[in-house]
Amino acid sequence: RLEQRPVAAPRSHEVLLKINSVGICGSDIHFWKDGGGVRFVIDKPWTLGHEFSGTVVKVGSGVQHLKEGDRVAIEPGVPRENDEFVRTGRYNLSPTSFTSGIPPNNGGMCQYYVHDASYCYKIPDSLSFEEE
């Protein structure tokens, strides 16, 4: 179903993105067809999509490396704590990670999405959003 949701404001370390492209992978199809399966229970409205790109439309006060208009691809897994995995460069293994589009966390199949700026990566103008 489609529904209107308010557009969130970014906190100091975040950016607000206008979503331009979202990839659909096997896990998205599984969630859509099977409703989450054994590991995840989807019991409230939830948004798919963890592979997406967009344009920065608003920048949090503490963000230095991005500006409005930048085109970015996101890393969907964002650790919540600076644990051993993060300190050794293996943040994707952190048990504290928030992953966009993996229940219960909403994903990028929406018009606007707030994401941690440290996990947004500029893409060159020569690359289309669909190619990223």
C-alpha atoms as a PDB file:
ATOM      1  CA  ARG A   1       0.000   0.000   0.000  1.00  0.00           C
ATOM      2  CA  LEU A   2       1.022   3.601  -0.394  1.00  0.00           C
ATOM      3  CA  GLU A   3       0.782   6.099   2.397  1.00  0.00           C
ATOM      4  CA  GLN A   4       1.871   9.638   3.155  1.00  0.00           C
ATOM      5  CA  ARG A   5       4.501  10.003   5.863  1.00  0.00           C
ATOM      6  CA  PRO A   6       6.070  13.147   7.287  1.00  0.00           C
ATOM      7  CA  VAL A   7       9.539  14.079   6.045  1.00  0.00           C
ATOM      8  CA  ALA A   8      11.985  13.811   8.931  1.00  0.00           C
ATOM      9  CA  ALA A   9      14.600  16.468   9.643  1.00  0.00           C
ATOM     10  CA  PRO A  10      18.214  15.302   9.811  1.00  0.00           C
ATOM     11  CA  ARG A  11      20.011  15.359  13.147  1.00  0.00           C
ATOM     12  CA  SER A  12      23.485  16.929  13.345  1.00  0.00           C
ATOM     13  CA  HIS A  13      25.297  13.870  11.878  1.00  0.00           C
ATOM     14  CA  GLU A  14      22.687  13.038   9.209  1.00  0.00           C
ATOM     15  CA  VAL A  15      21.535  14.158   5.775  1.00  0.00           C
ATOM     16  CA  LEU A  16      18.093  14.224   4.203  1.00  0.00           C
ATOM     17  CA  LEU A  17      18.090  12.532   0.806  1.00  0.00           C
ATOM     18  CA  LYS A  18      15.672  12.818  -2.106  1.00  0.00           C
ATOM     19  CA  ILE A  19      15.675   9.230  -3.316  1.00  0.00           C
ATOM     20  CA  ASN A  20      16.443   8.793  -7.001  1.00  0.00           C
ATOM     21  CA  SER A  21      16.981   5.057  -7.443  1.00  0.00           C
ATOM     22  CA  VAL A  22      16.379   1.891  -5.414  1.00  0.00           C
ATOM     23  CA  GLY A  23      17.647  -1.556  -6.309  1.00  0.00           C
ATOM     24  CA  ILE A  24      15.417  -4.556  -5.671  1.00  0.00           C
ATOM     25  CA  CYS A  25      17.243  -7.635  -4.441  1.00  0.00           C
ATOM     26  CA  GLY A  26      16.222 -11.108  -3.363  1.00  0.00           C
ATOM     27  CA  SER A  27      15.641 -10.147   0.263  1.00  0.00           C
ATOM     28  CA  ASP A  28      13.217  -7.394  -0.811  1.00  0.00           C
ATOM     29  CA  ILE A  29      11.264  -9.904  -2.889  1.00  0.00           C
ATOM     30  CA  HIS A  30      11.268 -12.384  -0.004  1.00  0.00           C
ATOM     31  CA  PHE A  31       9.948  -9.768   2.445  1.00  0.00           C
ATOM     32  CA  TRP A  32       7.270  -8.665  -0.041  1.00  0.00           C
ATOM     33  CA  LYS A  33       6.086 -12.178  -0.933  1.00  0.00           C
ATOM     34  CA  ASP A  34       6.526 -13.971   2.380  1.00  0.00           C
ATOM     35  CA  GLY A  35       6.096 -11.184   4.922  1.00  0.00           C
ATOM     36  CA  GLY A  36       9.454 -11.603   6.596  1.00  0.00           C
ATOM     37  CA  GLY A  37       9.756 -15.311   7.231  1.00  0.00           C
ATOM     38  CA  VAL A  38      11.195 -16.912  10.345  1.00  0.00           C
ATOM     39  CA  ARG A  39      13.867 -14.367  11.301  1.00  0.00           C
ATOM     40  CA  PHE A  40      11.784 -11.199  10.869  1.00  0.00           C
ATOM     41  CA  VAL A  41       8.171 -10.549  11.721  1.00  0.00           C
ATOM     42  CA  ILE A  42       6.593  -7.630   9.908  1.00  0.00           C
ATOM     43  CA  ASP A  43       3.601  -6.602  11.972  1.00  0.00           C
ATOM     44  CA  LYS A  44       3.237  -2.913  11.082  1.00  0.00           C
ATOM     45  CA  PRO A  45       3.622  -0.740   7.981  1.00  0.00           C
ATOM     46  CA  TRP A  46       7.213  -0.912   6.831  1.00  0.00           C
ATOM     47  CA  THR A  47       9.243   0.327   3.832  1.00  0.00           C
ATOM     48  CA  LEU A  48      11.442  -1.932   1.692  1.00  0.00           C
ATOM     49  CA  GLY A  49      14.778  -1.051   0.110  1.00  0.00           C
ATOM     50  CA  HIS A  50      18.365  -1.155   1.324  1.00  0.00           C
ATOM     51  CA  GLU A  51      20.231  -0.472  -1.929  1.00  0.00           C
ATOM     52  CA  PHE A  52      19.563   3.123  -2.920  1.00  0.00           C
ATOM     53  CA  SER A  53      20.967   6.433  -4.019  1.00  0.00           C
ATOM     54  CA  GLY A  54      19.764   9.984  -3.928  1.00  0.00           C
ATOM     55  CA  THR A  55      20.484  13.680  -3.820  1.00  0.00           C
ATOM     56  CA  VAL A  56      21.301  15.498  -0.590  1.00  0.00           C
ATOM     57  CA  VAL A  57      18.578  18.092   0.076  1.00  0.00           C
ATOM     58  CA  LYS A  58      19.409  19.019   3.677  1.00  0.00           C
ATOM     59  CA  VAL A  59      22.572  18.643   5.750  1.00  0.00           C
ATOM     60  CA  GLY A  60      22.832  18.274   9.517  1.00  0.00           C
ATOM     61  CA  SER A  61      24.811  20.947  11.352  1.00  0.00           C
ATOM     62  CA  GLY A  62      27.782  18.657  12.051  1.00  0.00           C
ATOM     63  CA  VAL A  63      28.215  17.271   8.522  1.00  0.00           C
ATOM     64  CA  GLN A  64      31.307  18.636   6.769  1.00  0.00           C
ATOM     65  CA  HIS A  65      31.927  16.358   3.761  1.00  0.00           C
ATOM     66  CA  LEU A  66      28.536  16.656   2.030  1.00  0.00           C
ATOM     67  CA  LYS A  67      26.455  19.581   0.799  1.00  0.00           C
ATOM     68  CA  GLU A  68      23.038  20.131  -0.734  1.00  0.00           C
ATOM     69  CA  GLY A  69      22.963  18.842  -4.285  1.00  0.00           C
ATOM     70  CA  ASP A  70      25.570  16.097  -3.786  1.00  0.00           C
ATOM     71  CA  ARG A  71      24.652  12.783  -5.390  1.00  0.00           C
ATOM     72  CA  VAL A  72      25.274   9.851  -3.063  1.00  0.00           C
ATOM     73  CA  ALA A  73      24.959   6.109  -2.672  1.00  0.00           C
ATOM     74  CA  ILE A  74      24.372   4.813   0.830  1.00  0.00           C
ATOM     75  CA  GLU A  75      25.869   2.030   2.890  1.00  0.00           C
ATOM     76  CA  PRO A  76      22.753   0.486   4.446  1.00  0.00           C
ATOM     77  CA  GLY A  77      24.472  -0.927   7.540  1.00  0.00           C
ATOM     78  CA  VAL A  78      25.204   1.746  10.149  1.00  0.00           C
ATOM     79  CA  PRO A  79      26.624   0.740  13.537  1.00  0.00           C
ATOM     80  CA  ARG A  80      25.080   2.379  16.576  1.00  0.00           C
ATOM     81  CA  GLU A  81      28.132   1.968  18.820  1.00  0.00           C
ATOM     82  CA  ASN A  82      31.892   2.309  18.409  1.00  0.00           C
ATOM     83  CA  ASP A  83      32.582  -1.325  19.270  1.00  0.00           C
ATOM     84  CA  GLU A  84      35.567  -3.570  18.424  1.00  0.00           C
ATOM     85  CA  PHE A  85      34.209  -4.276  14.927  1.00  0.00           C
ATOM     86  CA  VAL A  86      33.922  -0.573  14.103  1.00  0.00           C
ATOM     87  CA  ARG A  87      37.373   0.232  15.512  1.00  0.00           C
ATOM     88  CA  THR A  88      38.970  -2.483  13.339  1.00  0.00           C
ATOM     89  CA  GLY A  89      37.204  -1.413  10.141  1.00  0.00           C
ATOM     90  CA  ARG A  90      34.651  -4.234  10.138  1.00  0.00           C
ATOM     91  CA  TYR A  91      31.607  -2.131  11.015  1.00  0.00           C
ATOM     92  CA  ASN A  92      29.381  -4.372   8.881  1.00  0.00           C
ATOM     93  CA  LEU A  93      29.834  -7.133  11.480  1.00  0.00           C
ATOM     94  CA  SER A  94      28.818  -5.005  14.455  1.00  0.00           C
ATOM     95  CA  PRO A  95      25.856  -6.504  16.332  1.00  0.00           C
ATOM     96  CA  THR A  96      24.707  -2.939  17.012  1.00  0.00           C
ATOM     97  CA  SER A  97      24.153  -2.173  13.315  1.00  0.00           C
ATOM     98  CA  PHE A  98      21.009  -0.564  12.012  1.00  0.00           C
ATOM     99  CA  THR A  99      20.364  -1.760   8.457  1.00  0.00           C
ATOM    100  CA  SER A 100      18.099   0.238   6.181  1.00  0.00           C
ATOM    101  CA  GLY A 101      15.251  -1.810   4.750  1.00  0.00           C
ATOM    102  CA  ILE A 102      15.734  -4.788   7.072  1.00  0.00           C
ATOM    103  CA  PRO A 103      12.893  -5.119   9.601  1.00  0.00           C
ATOM    104  CA  PRO A 104      12.088  -3.297  11.745  1.00  0.00           C
ATOM    105  CA  ASN A 105      14.070  -0.487  10.050  1.00  0.00           C
ATOM    106  CA  ASN A 106      12.422   1.343   7.166  1.00  0.00           C
ATOM    107  CA  GLY A 107      14.201   1.410   3.829  1.00  0.00           C
ATOM    108  CA  GLY A 108      14.641   3.676   0.842  1.00  0.00           C
ATOM    109  CA  MET A 109      11.563   2.948  -1.287  1.00  0.00           C
ATOM    110  CA  CYS A 110      10.223   6.375  -0.448  1.00  0.00           C
ATOM    111  CA  GLN A 111      10.630   9.939  -1.643  1.00  0.00           C
ATOM    112  CA  TYR A 112      12.798  11.201   1.234  1.00  0.00           C
ATOM    113  CA  TYR A 113      15.073   9.357   3.650  1.00  0.00           C
ATOM    114  CA  VAL A 114      17.331  10.486   6.513  1.00  0.00           C
ATOM    115  CA  HIS A 115      20.670   8.661   6.731  1.00  0.00           C
ATOM    116  CA  ASP A 116      23.899   8.922   8.722  1.00  0.00           C
ATOM    117  CA  ALA A 117      26.174  11.138   6.602  1.00  0.00           C
ATOM    118  CA  SER A 118      29.252   9.027   7.428  1.00  0.00           C
ATOM    119  CA  TYR A 119      27.673   6.195   5.427  1.00  0.00           C
ATOM    120  CA  CYS A 120      26.800   8.261   2.353  1.00  0.00           C
ATOM    121  CA  TYR A 121      29.307   8.203  -0.506  1.00  0.00           C
ATOM    122  CA  LYS A 122      29.495  10.729  -3.317  1.00  0.00           C
ATOM    123  CA  ILE A 123      28.991   9.337  -6.797  1.00  0.00           C
ATOM    124  CA  PRO A 124      30.469  11.057  -9.858  1.00  0.00           C
ATOM    125  CA  ASP A 125      28.260  13.000 -12.241  1.00  0.00           C
ATOM    126  CA  SER A 126      29.384  10.649 -15.016  1.00  0.00           C
ATOM    127  CA  LEU A 127      27.561   7.785 -13.288  1.00  0.00           C
ATOM    128  CA  SER A 128      23.764   7.646 -13.462  1.00  0.00           C
ATOM    129  CA  PHE A 129      21.748   6.829 -10.374  1.00  0.00           C
ATOM    130  CA  GLU A 130      20.702   3.563 -12.016  1.00  0.00           C
ATOM    131  CA  GLU A 131      24.336   2.542 -12.603  1.00  0.00           C
ATOM    132  CA  GLU A 132      25.567   3.147  -9.074  1.00  0.00           C
END
